[in-house]
Structures are given as C-alpha cells and as structure tokens.
Amino acid sequence: MRADPVPPSLTSEPDRFSDDAWDLLLATQDTARRWRHGAMDVEHLLQTLLLERRFAPSGMPSKTCWRTPSAAGPPGDPPCWTCPIC
C-alpha cells in the first residue's frame, strides 16, 4: 500500500496567492526562522500579523501592542514601537 504523497509547500507556489498574501507568508516564514523553528505554523502567522505594521488592517489603532514585560519575542525580534515596553 502506497502512502499519500506529501502536498507541496504553499510557499513554493506564489501564483496561488495575491501579492499581499504572499508577502505575509514570506514574513511569517522569517518569523519562524527567527525562532529557529523548522516550519511555519499558526503562531508565526499571528505574531507576524500582530507585530508588523504593514499587515495591520486599516483603522487599527496605532497605539496597540500585545506584549507585556514577560512576553518578549525571540532574540532579534523587532519592537512594535507603539508601547512603553518596546
């Protein structure tokens, strides 16, 4: 019995995504690499959406940050620049 083939990575098929979605996937991949993780996962996507201003929805308050003193990012993680913690 043959195992089902592994589906190709989404990040190897840029034509399936809009430019904005593709940029988000690449930024998410960079987030995963900063954490030294071997694969992207939803937590990397969420962190990218929350921390990178270029992916913020229009109308989102500019003074928003999810970080607390105990919720620092990985080494080299960019600050959000919107709060006293960062």
Protein backbone atom coordinates (compact mmCIF):
# COMPACT_ATOMS: atom_id res chain seq x y z
CA MET A 1 0.00 0.00 0.00
CA ARG A 2 1.42 3.41 -1.01
CA ALA A 3 1.32 6.37 1.32
CA ASP A 4 -0.31 9.52 0.03
CA PRO A 5 2.27 11.93 -1.40
CA VAL A 6 3.15 14.92 0.74
CA PRO A 7 1.46 18.03 -0.67
CA PRO A 8 3.85 20.72 -1.92
CA SER A 9 4.61 23.64 0.35
CA LEU A 10 2.33 26.61 -0.15
CA THR A 11 5.32 28.91 -0.12
CA SER A 12 6.63 27.25 -3.25
CA GLU A 13 3.59 28.29 -5.30
CA PRO A 14 3.42 32.12 -5.32
CA ASP A 15 0.92 32.19 -8.19
CA ARG A 16 -1.76 30.82 -5.85
CA PHE A 17 -1.69 33.98 -3.70
CA SER A 18 -2.21 37.70 -4.04
CA ASP A 19 0.90 39.84 -3.65
CA ASP A 20 -0.15 40.88 -0.14
CA ALA A 21 -0.83 37.29 0.94
CA TRP A 22 2.49 36.15 -0.50
CA ASP A 23 4.34 38.93 1.36
CA LEU A 24 2.61 37.82 4.57
CA LEU A 25 3.68 34.20 4.01
CA LEU A 26 7.29 35.23 3.42
CA ALA A 27 7.29 37.44 6.53
CA THR A 28 5.75 34.56 8.51
CA GLN A 29 8.50 32.27 7.27
CA ASP A 30 11.07 34.80 8.51
CA THR A 31 9.34 34.89 11.91
CA ALA A 32 9.58 31.09 12.16
CA ARG A 33 13.27 31.25 11.25
CA ARG A 34 13.95 33.91 13.90
CA TRP A 35 12.53 31.46 16.44
CA ARG A 36 14.77 28.77 14.89
CA HIS A 37 11.72 26.67 14.05
CA GLY A 38 11.90 24.31 11.10
CA ALA A 39 8.39 25.01 9.83
CA MET A 40 5.81 27.79 9.77
CA ASP A 41 2.78 27.40 11.96
CA VAL A 42 -0.19 29.47 13.00
CA GLU A 43 1.65 31.09 15.93
CA HIS A 44 4.20 32.52 13.49
CA LEU A 45 1.42 33.89 11.31
CA LEU A 46 -0.32 35.50 14.27
CA GLN A 47 2.89 37.04 15.58
CA THR A 48 3.64 38.47 12.15
CA LEU A 49 0.15 39.92 11.84
CA LEU A 50 0.33 41.48 15.29
CA LEU A 51 3.83 42.89 15.15
CA GLU A 52 4.39 44.02 11.59
CA ARG A 53 2.56 47.26 10.98
CA ARG A 54 2.44 46.74 7.20
CA PHE A 55 -0.02 43.87 7.74
CA ALA A 56 -2.29 45.75 10.15
CA PRO A 57 -5.84 46.25 8.92
CA SER A 58 -6.80 49.81 8.08
CA GLY A 59 -8.43 51.55 11.02
CA MET A 60 -6.42 49.61 13.61
CA PRO A 61 -5.30 51.90 16.44
CA SER A 62 -1.62 52.74 16.15
CA LYS A 63 -1.10 52.51 19.91
CA THR A 64 -1.79 48.78 20.18
CA CYS A 65 0.70 46.21 21.44
CA TRP A 66 0.16 42.70 22.73
CA ARG A 67 3.47 42.49 24.56
CA THR A 68 3.88 42.51 28.30
CA PRO A 69 7.18 42.56 30.20
CA SER A 70 7.00 38.74 30.39
CA ALA A 71 6.04 38.27 26.70
CA ALA A 72 9.21 39.27 24.93
CA GLY A 73 9.85 37.95 21.45
CA PRO A 74 12.83 35.90 20.30
CA PRO A 75 16.32 37.40 20.18
CA GLY A 76 16.46 39.92 17.34
CA ASP A 77 12.68 40.31 17.22
CA PRO A 78 11.82 43.83 16.07
CA PRO A 79 9.99 46.05 18.56
CA CYS A 80 6.48 47.19 17.73
CA TRP A 81 7.42 50.83 18.56
CA THR A 82 3.94 51.58 19.86
CA CYS A 83 4.19 50.97 23.58
CA PRO A 84 6.45 51.72 26.55
CA ILE A 85 7.60 48.08 26.69
CA CYS A 86 9.02 48.12 23.19
